[in-house]
C-alpha atoms as a PDB file:
ATOM      1  CA  MET A   1     110.795  67.452  86.723  1.00  0.00           C
ATOM      2  CA  ASP A   2     111.463  68.387  90.368  1.00  0.00           C
ATOM      3  CA  VAL A   3     109.768  67.004  93.488  1.00  0.00           C
ATOM      4  CA  ARG A   4     107.088  69.706  93.558  1.00  0.00           C
ATOM      5  CA  GLN A   5     106.116  69.138  89.944  1.00  0.00           C
ATOM      6  CA  ARG A   6     105.925  65.399  90.519  1.00  0.00           C
ATOM      7  CA  THR A   7     103.672  65.981  93.541  1.00  0.00           C
ATOM      8  CA  GLU A   8     101.423  68.256  91.466  1.00  0.00           C
ATOM      9  CA  GLU A   9     101.226  65.577  88.790  1.00  0.00           C
ATOM     10  CA  ILE A  10     100.169  63.015  91.405  1.00  0.00           C
ATOM     11  CA  GLU A  11      97.427  65.406  92.539  1.00  0.00           C
ATOM     12  CA  HIS A  12      95.935  65.400  89.038  1.00  0.00           C
ATOM     13  CA  MET A  13      96.054  61.601  88.988  1.00  0.00           C
ATOM     14  CA  THR A  14      94.471  61.049  92.409  1.00  0.00           C
ATOM     15  CA  PHE A  15      92.318  64.041  93.417  1.00  0.00           C
ATOM     16  CA  ALA A  16      88.608  64.311  92.725  1.00  0.00           C
ATOM     17  CA  PRO A  17      87.762  66.561  89.741  1.00  0.00           C
ATOM     18  CA  TRP A  18      86.253  69.175  92.089  1.00  0.00           C
ATOM     19  CA  ALA A  19      89.342  69.413  94.302  1.00  0.00           C
ATOM     20  CA  THR A  20      91.579  72.497  94.419  1.00  0.00           C
ATOM     21  CA  PHE A  21      94.817  71.705  92.593  1.00  0.00           C
ATOM     22  CA  SER A  22      98.050  73.248  93.831  1.00  0.00           C
ATOM     23  CA  ASP A  23      99.288  74.227  90.370  1.00  0.00           C
ATOM     24  CA  GLN A  24      96.022  76.094  89.712  1.00  0.00           C
ATOM     25  CA  SER A  25      96.217  78.416  92.716  1.00  0.00           C
ATOM     26  CA  ARG A  26      95.279  82.058  92.171  1.00  0.00           C
ATOM     27  CA  GLY A  27      98.658  82.895  93.634  1.00  0.00           C
ATOM     28  CA  ARG A  28     100.014  85.245  96.284  1.00  0.00           C
ATOM     29  CA  MET A  29      99.737  89.008  96.747  1.00  0.00           C
ATOM     30  CA  LEU A  30     103.507  89.211  96.192  1.00  0.00           C
ATOM     31  CA  PRO A  31     104.707  86.773  93.495  1.00  0.00           C
ATOM     32  CA  GLU A  32     107.386  84.319  94.613  1.00  0.00           C
ATOM     33  CA  GLU A  33     109.522  81.694  92.973  1.00  0.00           C
ATOM     34  CA  GLN A  34     108.111  78.197  93.367  1.00  0.00           C
ATOM     35  CA  ASP A  35     109.685  75.899  95.941  1.00  0.00           C
ATOM     36  CA  PRO A  36     111.408  72.910  94.285  1.00  0.00           C
ATOM     37  CA  ILE A  37     109.995  70.480  96.874  1.00  0.00           C
ATOM     38  CA  ARG A  38     106.694  71.781  98.266  1.00  0.00           C
ATOM     39  CA  PRO A  39     103.547  72.795  96.356  1.00  0.00           C
ATOM     40  CA  VAL A  40     102.110  76.174  97.336  1.00  0.00           C
ATOM     41  CA  PHE A  41      99.563  74.962  99.912  1.00  0.00           C
ATOM     42  CA  GLN A  42     102.073  72.735 101.671  1.00  0.00           C
ATOM     43  CA  ARG A  43     104.376  75.727 101.843  1.00  0.00           C
ATOM     44  CA  ASP A  44     101.575  77.819 103.360  1.00  0.00           C
ATOM     45  CA  ARG A  45     100.903  75.121 105.952  1.00  0.00           C
ATOM     46  CA  ASP A  46     104.548  75.212 106.989  1.00  0.00           C
ATOM     47  CA  ARG A  47     104.584  79.008 107.237  1.00  0.00           C
ATOM     48  CA  VAL A  48     101.583  78.988 109.546  1.00  0.00           C
ATOM     49  CA  LEU A  49     102.976  76.185 111.688  1.00  0.00           C
ATOM     50  CA  HIS A  50     106.234  78.052 112.294  1.00  0.00           C
ATOM     51  CA  CYS A  51     104.809  81.541 112.865  1.00  0.00           C
ATOM     52  CA  LYS A  52     104.675  83.269 116.256  1.00  0.00           C
ATOM     53  CA  ALA A  53     100.891  83.671 116.245  1.00  0.00           C
ATOM     54  CA  PHE A  54     100.465  79.899 116.048  1.00  0.00           C
ATOM     55  CA  ARG A  55     102.603  79.342 119.138  1.00  0.00           C
ATOM     56  CA  ARG A  56     100.598  81.958 121.034  1.00  0.00           C
ATOM     57  CA  LEU A  57      97.456  79.852 120.636  1.00  0.00           C
ATOM     58  CA  LYS A  58      98.634  77.526 123.408  1.00  0.00           C
ATOM     59  CA  GLN A  59      98.008  80.212 126.054  1.00  0.00           C
ATOM     60  CA  LYS A  60      94.645  81.424 124.783  1.00  0.00           C
ATOM     61  CA  THR A  61      91.916  79.961 126.942  1.00  0.00           C
ATOM     62  CA  GLN A  62      88.422  79.183 125.707  1.00  0.00           C
ATOM     63  CA  VAL A  63      85.602  79.820 128.205  1.00  0.00           C
ATOM     64  CA  PHE A  64      87.225  79.877 131.640  1.00  0.00           C
ATOM     65  CA  LEU A  65      89.801  82.501 132.559  1.00  0.00           C
ATOM     66  CA  SER A  66      92.317  80.149 134.140  1.00  0.00           C
ATOM     67  CA  PRO A  67      90.950  76.602 134.401  1.00  0.00           C
ATOM     68  CA  GLU A  68      92.535  74.222 136.890  1.00  0.00           C
ATOM     69  CA  GLY A  69      94.253  71.225 135.362  1.00  0.00           C
ATOM     70  CA  ASP A  70      95.925  70.418 132.071  1.00  0.00           C
ATOM     71  CA  LEU A  71      93.011  68.717 130.315  1.00  0.00           C
ATOM     72  CA  TYR A  72      90.930  71.741 129.296  1.00  0.00           C
ATOM     73  CA  ARG A  73      91.105  72.898 125.722  1.00  0.00           C
ATOM     74  CA  THR A  74      93.063  75.927 124.620  1.00  0.00           C
ATOM     75  CA  ARG A  75      92.833  77.648 121.263  1.00  0.00           C
ATOM     76  CA  LEU A  76      95.812  75.554 120.132  1.00  0.00           C
ATOM     77  CA  THR A  77      94.271  72.185 120.982  1.00  0.00           C
ATOM     78  CA  HIS A  78      91.014  73.320 119.383  1.00  0.00           C
ATOM     79  CA  THR A  79      92.941  74.194 116.214  1.00  0.00           C
ATOM     80  CA  LEU A  80      94.601  70.773 116.135  1.00  0.00           C
ATOM     81  CA  GLU A  81      91.242  69.034 116.574  1.00  0.00           C
ATOM     82  CA  VAL A  82      89.752  71.078 113.730  1.00  0.00           C
ATOM     83  CA  SER A  83      92.705  70.126 111.547  1.00  0.00           C
ATOM     84  CA  GLN A  84      92.324  66.413 112.324  1.00  0.00           C
ATOM     85  CA  ILE A  85      88.605  66.367 111.515  1.00  0.00           C
ATOM     86  CA  ALA A  86      89.026  68.468 108.371  1.00  0.00           C
ATOM     87  CA  ARG A  87      91.938  66.414 107.042  1.00  0.00           C
ATOM     88  CA  THR A  88      90.025  63.183 107.591  1.00  0.00           C
ATOM     89  CA  ILE A  89      87.144  64.510 105.487  1.00  0.00           C
ATOM     90  CA  ALA A  90      89.414  65.966 102.803  1.00  0.00           C
ATOM     91  CA  ARG A  91      91.387  62.765 102.392  1.00  0.00           C
ATOM     92  CA  ALA A  92      88.257  60.618 102.170  1.00  0.00           C
ATOM     93  CA  LEU A  93      86.743  62.912  99.525  1.00  0.00           C
ATOM     94  CA  ARG A  94      90.057  63.038  97.608  1.00  0.00           C
ATOM     95  CA  LEU A  95      90.395  66.789  98.049  1.00  0.00           C
ATOM     96  CA  ASN A  96      93.529  68.826  98.760  1.00  0.00           C
ATOM     97  CA  GLU A  97      94.669  67.872 102.242  1.00  0.00           C
ATOM     98  CA  ASP A  98      97.514  70.422 102.305  1.00  0.00           C
ATOM     99  CA  LEU A  99      95.125  73.296 101.604  1.00  0.00           C
ATOM    100  CA  THR A 100      92.675  71.959 104.192  1.00  0.00           C
ATOM    101  CA  GLU A 101      95.376  71.748 106.841  1.00  0.00           C
ATOM    102  CA  ALA A 102      96.780  75.206 106.064  1.00  0.00           C
ATOM    103  CA  ILE A 103      93.357  76.821 106.509  1.00  0.00           C
ATOM    104  CA  SER A 104      92.669  74.780 109.642  1.00  0.00           C
ATOM    105  CA  LEU A 105      95.899  75.789 111.353  1.00  0.00           C
ATOM    106  CA  ALA A 106      95.480  79.466 110.434  1.00  0.00           C
ATOM    107  CA  HIS A 107      91.759  79.987 110.967  1.00  0.00           C
ATOM    108  CA  ASP A 108      91.963  81.224 114.585  1.00  0.00           C
ATOM    109  CA  LEU A 109      95.349  82.982 114.599  1.00  0.00           C
ATOM    110  CA  GLY A 110      93.632  86.292 115.315  1.00  0.00           C
ATOM    111  CA  HIS A 111      91.298  85.037 118.013  1.00  0.00           C
ATOM    112  CA  THR A 112      91.208  86.762 121.368  1.00  0.00           C
ATOM    113  CA  PRO A 113      91.927  84.841 124.551  1.00  0.00           C
ATOM    114  CA  PHE A 114      88.917  83.760 126.610  1.00  0.00           C
ATOM    115  CA  GLY A 115      87.019  82.536 123.555  1.00  0.00           C
ATOM    116  CA  HIS A 116      84.096  84.488 122.173  1.00  0.00           C
ATOM    117  CA  ALA A 117      83.700  86.375 125.459  1.00  0.00           C
ATOM    118  CA  GLY A 118      87.028  88.041 124.712  1.00  0.00           C
ATOM    119  CA  GLU A 119      85.970  88.748 121.150  1.00  0.00           C
ATOM    120  CA  ARG A 120      82.704  90.289 122.318  1.00  0.00           C
ATOM    121  CA  ALA A 121      84.519  92.502 124.839  1.00  0.00           C
ATOM    122  CA  LEU A 122      86.967  93.795 122.244  1.00  0.00           C
ATOM    123  CA  ASN A 123      84.211  94.229 119.666  1.00  0.00           C
ATOM    124  CA  GLU A 124      82.436  96.603 122.047  1.00  0.00           C
ATOM    125  CA  LEU A 125      85.614  98.592 122.658  1.00  0.00           C
ATOM    126  CA  CYS A 126      86.905  99.017 119.105  1.00  0.00           C
ATOM    127  CA  PRO A 127      85.282 101.873 117.151  1.00  0.00           C
ATOM    128  CA  ASP A 128      85.032  99.725 114.020  1.00  0.00           C
ATOM    129  CA  GLY A 129      84.277  96.512 115.892  1.00  0.00           C
ATOM    130  CA  PHE A 130      86.385  93.378 116.131  1.00  0.00           C
ATOM    131  CA  LYS A 131      85.927  90.051 114.341  1.00  0.00           C
ATOM    132  CA  HIS A 132      88.442  87.315 114.979  1.00  0.00           C
ATOM    133  CA  TYR A 133      88.324  85.992 111.419  1.00  0.00           C
ATOM    134  CA  MET A 134      89.262  89.427 110.060  1.00  0.00           C
ATOM    135  CA  GLN A 135      92.024  89.660 112.648  1.00  0.00           C
ATOM    136  CA  SER A 136      93.288  86.210 111.600  1.00  0.00           C
ATOM    137  CA  LEU A 137      93.631  87.518 108.054  1.00  0.00           C
ATOM    138  CA  ARG A 138      95.346  90.647 109.354  1.00  0.00           C
ATOM    139  CA  VAL A 139      97.816  88.529 111.320  1.00  0.00           C
ATOM    140  CA  VAL A 140      98.932  86.562 108.264  1.00  0.00           C
ATOM    141  CA  ASP A 141      98.832  89.586 105.928  1.00  0.00           C
ATOM    142  CA  LYS A 142     100.332  92.385 108.040  1.00  0.00           C
ATOM    143  CA  LEU A 143     101.481  91.428 111.535  1.00  0.00           C
ATOM    144  CA  GLU A 144     103.653  88.356 111.148  1.00  0.00           C
ATOM    145  CA  LYS A 145     107.351  88.612 110.275  1.00  0.00           C
ATOM    146  CA  ASP A 146     107.658  92.171 111.620  1.00  0.00           C
ATOM    147  CA  GLY A 147     104.929  93.547 109.400  1.00  0.00           C
ATOM    148  CA  ARG A 148     105.848  91.705 106.200  1.00  0.00           C
ATOM    149  CA  GLY A 149     103.190  89.047 106.659  1.00  0.00           C
ATOM    150  CA  LEU A 150     103.303  85.431 105.543  1.00  0.00           C
ATOM    151  CA  ASN A 151     102.247  86.135 101.934  1.00  0.00           C
ATOM    152  CA  LEU A 152      99.869  83.168 101.824  1.00  0.00           C
ATOM    153  CA  THR A 153      97.963  82.033  98.761  1.00  0.00           C
ATOM    154  CA  TRP A 154      94.553  83.446  97.885  1.00  0.00           C
ATOM    155  CA  GLU A 155      92.835  80.125  98.644  1.00  0.00           C
ATOM    156  CA  VAL A 156      94.171  79.918 102.204  1.00  0.00           C
ATOM    157  CA  ARG A 157      93.345  83.556 102.905  1.00  0.00           C
ATOM    158  CA  ASN A 158      89.826  83.056 101.538  1.00  0.00           C
ATOM    159  CA  GLY A 159      89.353  80.011 103.771  1.00  0.00           C
ATOM    160  CA  ILE A 160      90.485  81.958 106.847  1.00  0.00           C
ATOM    161  CA  VAL A 161      88.115  84.880 106.400  1.00  0.00           C
ATOM    162  CA  THR A 162      85.056  82.726 105.584  1.00  0.00           C
ATOM    163  CA  HIS A 163      85.433  80.065 108.272  1.00  0.00           C
ATOM    164  CA  THR A 164      82.836  81.434 110.714  1.00  0.00           C
ATOM    165  CA  LYS A 165      79.780  83.008 109.127  1.00  0.00           C
ATOM    166  CA  GLY A 166      78.488  84.787 106.037  1.00  0.00           C
ATOM    167  CA  THR A 167      79.749  83.802 102.614  1.00  0.00           C
ATOM    168  CA  TRP A 168      81.137  80.299 102.383  1.00  0.00           C
ATOM    169  CA  ALA A 169      84.671  79.645 101.133  1.00  0.00           C
ATOM    170  CA  ALA A 170      85.288  79.508  97.413  1.00  0.00           C
ATOM    171  CA  THR A 171      87.015  76.125  97.726  1.00  0.00           C
ATOM    172  CA  PRO A 172      85.584  72.828  98.986  1.00  0.00           C
ATOM    173  CA  GLU A 173      88.557  72.564 101.321  1.00  0.00           C
ATOM    174  CA  GLY A 174      87.641  75.883 102.942  1.00  0.00           C
ATOM    175  CA  ARG A 175      84.040  74.737 103.353  1.00  0.00           C
ATOM    176  CA  ILE A 176      85.257  71.565 105.051  1.00  0.00           C
ATOM    177  CA  VAL A 177      87.204  73.617 107.606  1.00  0.00           C
ATOM    178  CA  ARG A 178      84.110  75.656 108.444  1.00  0.00           C
ATOM    179  CA  MET A 179      82.152  72.466 109.173  1.00  0.00           C
ATOM    180  CA  ALA A 180      85.043  70.869 111.063  1.00  0.00           C
ATOM    181  CA  ASP A 181      85.385  73.969 113.257  1.00  0.00           C
ATOM    182  CA  GLN A 182      81.783  73.648 114.445  1.00  0.00           C
ATOM    183  CA  ILE A 183      81.994  69.884 114.892  1.00  0.00           C
ATOM    184  CA  ALA A 184      85.127  70.291 117.000  1.00  0.00           C
ATOM    185  CA  TYR A 185      84.047  73.105 119.301  1.00  0.00           C
ATOM    186  CA  VAL A 186      80.581  71.780 120.114  1.00  0.00           C
ATOM    187  CA  ASN A 187      81.918  68.378 121.061  1.00  0.00           C
ATOM    188  CA  HIS A 188      84.997  69.458 122.989  1.00  0.00           C
ATOM    189  CA  ASP A 189      82.981  72.101 124.817  1.00  0.00           C
ATOM    190  CA  ILE A 190      80.626  69.342 125.972  1.00  0.00           C
ATOM    191  CA  GLU A 191      83.585  67.360 127.285  1.00  0.00           C
ATOM    192  CA  ASP A 192      85.139  70.376 129.019  1.00  0.00           C
ATOM    193  CA  ALA A 193      81.796  71.403 130.537  1.00  0.00           C
ATOM    194  CA  VAL A 194      81.313  67.920 131.985  1.00  0.00           C
ATOM    195  CA  ARG A 195      84.822  68.019 133.427  1.00  0.00           C
ATOM    196  CA  ALA A 196      84.163  71.454 134.939  1.00  0.00           C
ATOM    197  CA  GLY A 197      80.986  70.195 136.586  1.00  0.00           C
ATOM    198  CA  VAL A 198      78.657  72.596 134.773  1.00  0.00           C
ATOM    199  CA  LEU A 199      77.043  69.946 132.566  1.00  0.00           C
ATOM    200  CA  ASP A 200      75.585  66.521 133.301  1.00  0.00           C
ATOM    201  CA  PRO A 201      75.932  64.415 130.136  1.00  0.00           C
ATOM    202  CA  ALA A 202      72.580  62.793 130.957  1.00  0.00           C
ATOM    203  CA  THR A 203      70.914  66.137 130.206  1.00  0.00           C
ATOM    204  CA  LEU A 204      72.034  66.228 126.562  1.00  0.00           C
ATOM    205  CA  PRO A 205      68.912  66.233 124.350  1.00  0.00           C
ATOM    206  CA  LYS A 206      67.983  62.637 123.654  1.00  0.00           C
ATOM    207  CA  GLU A 207      66.676  63.476 120.206  1.00  0.00           C
ATOM    208  CA  CYS A 208      70.200  64.694 119.388  1.00  0.00           C
ATOM    209  CA  THR A 209      72.187  61.854 120.922  1.00  0.00           C
ATOM    210  CA  ALA A 210      69.860  59.310 119.297  1.00  0.00           C
ATOM    211  CA  VAL A 211      71.029  60.552 115.907  1.00  0.00           C
ATOM    212  CA  LEU A 212      74.595  61.647 116.650  1.00  0.00           C
ATOM    213  CA  GLY A 213      75.694  59.288 119.416  1.00  0.00           C
ATOM    214  CA  GLN A 214      76.288  59.291 123.156  1.00  0.00           C
ATOM    215  CA  THR A 215      80.028  60.004 123.144  1.00  0.00           C
ATOM    216  CA  LYS A 216      82.271  62.655 121.625  1.00  0.00           C
ATOM    217  CA  SER A 217      83.900  60.078 119.370  1.00  0.00           C
ATOM    218  CA  ALA A 218      80.557  58.732 118.160  1.00  0.00           C
ATOM    219  CA  ARG A 219      79.190  62.207 117.422  1.00  0.00           C
ATOM    220  CA  ILE A 220      82.262  63.272 115.470  1.00  0.00           C
ATOM    221  CA  THR A 221      82.242  60.010 113.505  1.00  0.00           C
ATOM    222  CA  THR A 222      78.542  60.399 112.704  1.00  0.00           C
ATOM    223  CA  MET A 223      79.067  63.922 111.355  1.00  0.00           C
ATOM    224  CA  ILE A 224      82.087  62.892 109.275  1.00  0.00           C
ATOM    225  CA  ASN A 225      80.220  59.932 107.780  1.00  0.00           C
ATOM    226  CA  SER A 226      77.238  62.132 106.996  1.00  0.00           C
ATOM    227  CA  ILE A 227      79.444  64.625 105.144  1.00  0.00           C
ATOM    228  CA  LEU A 228      81.138  61.839 103.187  1.00  0.00           C
ATOM    229  CA  ALA A 229      77.803  60.290 102.209  1.00  0.00           C
ATOM    230  CA  ASN A 230      76.294  63.574 101.006  1.00  0.00           C
ATOM    231  CA  SER A 231      79.237  65.322  99.343  1.00  0.00           C
ATOM    232  CA  ASP A 232      79.731  64.970  95.599  1.00  0.00           C
ATOM    233  CA  GLY A 233      80.834  68.080  93.781  1.00  0.00           C
ATOM    234  CA  ASP A 234      80.235  70.139  96.920  1.00  0.00           C
ATOM    235  CA  VAL A 235      80.584  69.641 100.670  1.00  0.00           C
ATOM    236  CA  LYS A 236      77.270  68.909 102.363  1.00  0.00           C
ATOM    237  CA  VAL A 237      75.939  67.207 105.482  1.00  0.00           C
ATOM    238  CA  GLY A 238      72.820  65.057 105.698  1.00  0.00           C
ATOM    239  CA  ALA A 239      69.597  66.802 106.740  1.00  0.00           C
ATOM    240  CA  GLU A 240      68.904  64.553 109.738  1.00  0.00           C
ATOM    241  CA  GLU A 241      72.413  64.854 111.158  1.00  0.00           C
ATOM    242  CA  ASN A 242      72.538  68.595 110.499  1.00  0.00           C
ATOM    243  CA  GLU A 243      69.237  69.161 112.291  1.00  0.00           C
ATOM    244  CA  ALA A 244      70.391  67.144 115.300  1.00  0.00           C
ATOM    245  CA  PHE A 245      73.745  68.922 115.380  1.00  0.00           C
ATOM    246  CA  LEU A 246      72.204  72.405 115.241  1.00  0.00           C
ATOM    247  CA  ALA A 247      69.822  71.445 118.065  1.00  0.00           C
ATOM    248  CA  LEU A 248      72.775  70.240 120.144  1.00  0.00           C
ATOM    249  CA  ARG A 249      74.641  73.469 119.473  1.00  0.00           C
ATOM    250  CA  ASP A 250      71.579  75.492 120.499  1.00  0.00           C
ATOM    251  CA  PHE A 251      71.395  73.436 123.702  1.00  0.00           C
ATOM    252  CA  MET A 252      74.990  74.383 124.509  1.00  0.00           C
ATOM    253  CA  TYR A 253      74.285  78.074 123.977  1.00  0.00           C
ATOM    254  CA  ALA A 254      71.155  77.898 126.128  1.00  0.00           C
ATOM    255  CA  THR A 255      72.825  76.063 129.012  1.00  0.00           C
ATOM    256  CA  VAL A 256      76.615  75.823 129.209  1.00  0.00           C
ATOM    257  CA  TYR A 257      77.569  79.140 127.633  1.00  0.00           C
ATOM    258  CA  VAL A 258      75.226  81.034 129.949  1.00  0.00           C
ATOM    259  CA  ASP A 259      76.120  79.009 133.056  1.00  0.00           C
ATOM    260  CA  LYS A 260      76.648  81.220 136.118  1.00  0.00           C
ATOM    261  CA  THR A 261      80.281  80.105 136.417  1.00  0.00           C
ATOM    262  CA  ALA A 262      80.970  80.999 132.796  1.00  0.00           C
ATOM    263  CA  LYS A 263      79.179  84.336 133.183  1.00  0.00           C
ATOM    264  CA  ARG A 264      81.325  85.188 136.221  1.00  0.00           C
ATOM    265  CA  GLU A 265      84.356  84.473 134.078  1.00  0.00           C
ATOM    266  CA  GLU A 266      82.987  86.800 131.395  1.00  0.00           C
ATOM    267  CA  GLN A 267      82.882  89.659 133.899  1.00  0.00           C
ATOM    268  CA  LYS A 268      86.579  89.109 134.537  1.00  0.00           C
ATOM    269  CA  VAL A 269      87.191  89.081 130.792  1.00  0.00           C
ATOM    270  CA  ASP A 270      85.442  92.447 130.372  1.00  0.00           C
ATOM    271  CA  LYS A 271      87.590  93.919 133.135  1.00  0.00           C
ATOM    272  CA  VAL A 272      90.871  92.492 131.865  1.00  0.00           C
ATOM    273  CA  ILE A 273      90.449  93.488 128.237  1.00  0.00           C
ATOM    274  CA  GLY A 274      88.817  96.819 129.082  1.00  0.00           C
ATOM    275  CA  GLU A 275      91.657  97.921 131.349  1.00  0.00           C
ATOM    276  CA  LEU A 276      94.294  96.745 128.890  1.00  0.00           C
ATOM    277  CA  TYR A 277      92.592  98.573 126.062  1.00  0.00           C
ATOM    278  CA  ASP A 278      92.491 101.805 128.069  1.00  0.00           C
ATOM    279  CA  TYR A 279      96.068 101.302 129.204  1.00  0.00           C
ATOM    280  CA  TYR A 280      97.425 101.305 125.671  1.00  0.00           C
ATOM    281  CA  LEU A 281      94.978 103.835 124.281  1.00  0.00           C
ATOM    282  CA  ASN A 282      96.122 106.520 126.719  1.00  0.00           C
ATOM    283  CA  PRO A 283      99.707 107.822 126.944  1.00  0.00           C
ATOM    284  CA  VAL A 284     101.525 106.123 129.793  1.00  0.00           C
ATOM    285  CA  THR A 285     105.057 105.329 130.788  1.00  0.00           C
ATOM    286  CA  VAL A 286     105.708 101.728 129.797  1.00  0.00           C
ATOM    287  CA  PRO A 287     108.140  99.758 131.992  1.00  0.00           C
ATOM    288  CA  PRO A 288     111.451  98.953 130.261  1.00  0.00           C
ATOM    289  CA  LEU A 289     111.257  95.811 128.144  1.00  0.00           C
ATOM    290  CA  PRO A 290     113.779  94.034 125.891  1.00  0.00           C
ATOM    291  CA  THR A 291     112.141  95.384 122.720  1.00  0.00           C
ATOM    292  CA  PRO A 292     110.068  98.502 121.951  1.00  0.00           C
ATOM    293  CA  ILE A 293     106.363  98.257 122.767  1.00  0.00           C
ATOM    294  CA  THR A 294     103.838  99.112 120.087  1.00  0.00           C
ATOM    295  CA  ILE A 295     100.215  98.074 119.829  1.00  0.00           C
ATOM    296  CA  ALA A 296     100.866  96.855 116.307  1.00  0.00           C
ATOM    297  CA  SER A 297     103.611  94.410 117.210  1.00  0.00           C
ATOM    298  CA  THR A 298     103.768  93.323 120.824  1.00  0.00           C
ATOM    299  CA  ALA A 299     100.258  94.623 121.549  1.00  0.00           C
ATOM    300  CA  LEU A 300      98.354  94.424 124.826  1.00  0.00           C
ATOM    301  CA  LEU A 301     100.216  93.733 128.063  1.00  0.00           C
ATOM    302  CA  PRO A 302      98.817  93.941 131.607  1.00  0.00           C
ATOM    303  CA  SER A 303      99.332  97.015 133.764  1.00  0.00           C
ATOM    304  CA  ARG A 304     101.623  96.752 136.782  1.00  0.00           C
ATOM    305  CA  ALA A 305      98.689  97.194 139.161  1.00  0.00           C
ATOM    306  CA  MET A 306      96.877  94.247 137.610  1.00  0.00           C
ATOM    307  CA  LEU A 307     100.022  92.119 137.724  1.00  0.00           C
ATOM    308  CA  CYS A 308     100.268  92.695 141.459  1.00  0.00           C
ATOM    309  CA  THR A 309      96.776  91.373 142.137  1.00  0.00           C
ATOM    310  CA  MET A 310      96.559  88.292 139.935  1.00  0.00           C
ATOM    311  CA  ALA A 311      98.112  84.850 140.218  1.00  0.00           C
ATOM    312  CA  GLY A 312     101.098  83.703 138.217  1.00  0.00           C
ATOM    313  CA  PRO A 313      99.335  81.367 135.767  1.00  0.00           C
ATOM    314  CA  VAL A 314      96.853  84.040 134.762  1.00  0.00           C
ATOM    315  CA  THR A 315      99.616  86.585 134.305  1.00  0.00           C
ATOM    316  CA  ARG A 316     101.456  84.155 132.060  1.00  0.00           C
ATOM    317  CA  ARG A 317      98.365  83.740 129.910  1.00  0.00           C
ATOM    318  CA  TRP A 318      97.905  87.496 129.679  1.00  0.00           C
ATOM    319  CA  TYR A 319     101.449  88.003 128.424  1.00  0.00           C
ATOM    320  CA  SER A 320     101.344  85.150 125.916  1.00  0.00           C
ATOM    321  CA  GLY A 321      97.706  85.122 124.906  1.00  0.00           C
ATOM    322  CA  LEU A 322      96.955  88.818 124.667  1.00  0.00           C
ATOM    323  CA  SER A 323     100.168  89.708 122.883  1.00  0.00           C
ATOM    324  CA  SER A 324      98.719  89.000 119.427  1.00  0.00           C
ATOM    325  CA  LEU A 325      95.877  91.531 119.667  1.00  0.00           C
ATOM    326  CA  ALA A 326      96.529  94.564 117.507  1.00  0.00           C
ATOM    327  CA  SER A 327      95.045  98.001 117.169  1.00  0.00           C
ATOM    328  CA  GLN A 328      92.086  98.138 114.786  1.00  0.00           C
ATOM    329  CA  SER A 329      92.782 101.747 113.913  1.00  0.00           C
ATOM    330  CA  MET A 330      96.056 101.130 112.112  1.00  0.00           C
END
């Protein structure tokens, strides 16, 4: 018995009966030999962690185009917060923590920069639309490793494509990630909005904070405890906490996400992504670069005219953050 088999045996001894067991995975699109040390979901987690798309998340901003200071969230820090919340829940419920972490780290690999404003802009430009969760799946299936993809397991891929809306994941671990994603972004967006001066924490709905708590830590803890108390055979959150959380999320959409500062940033987003899209849709002479430029691999880069008018930090984010967007027509 090798290390992997011993780990799989421990899973059967310690996991809840409704957990997803590594040795019962539906497998990969391309069959591979098993690793002698790591079960399949741990192996997937490692592949995601070391891929190029994961590193690009550090330069993808959320709401503001180029926020001042180092304390605002990026897509990478959001991903790490989702992973922490999801792993805490999975471990407490005795579910598969490796699978939970793999989905968490991969769920936003295909996200645009500039948060959902960037996604909306690209969705309007692409003939078939653009959804970041479908692009995340495309990144791991077709774009990573020079078009070979990461060849992840079915369970991780299912968790990626169901993490936002519509059908829920087939595994409890995938359903945990979907909840953790919402818990993370609502609470860190509150913190970032306060720091940016667009939200006074005293204006948070009192009927929400009375249930969830006054601080980010208290609200996250309340939601985790509610999930743990109500999950047995499936992942669920308590009715009272869920109602308060949805009301808090609605408050953020009605105030912070439509704030005049954020809306001004959205206009910049439309311009940036629109011009880049046109730039690579129409035949142009591309400046010499170390490697060939294709929309499928290196993807969208800023035009020289735009580079001349924007500041260095924004340019850096364009190069790093936008480079993972790929043509939807391929």
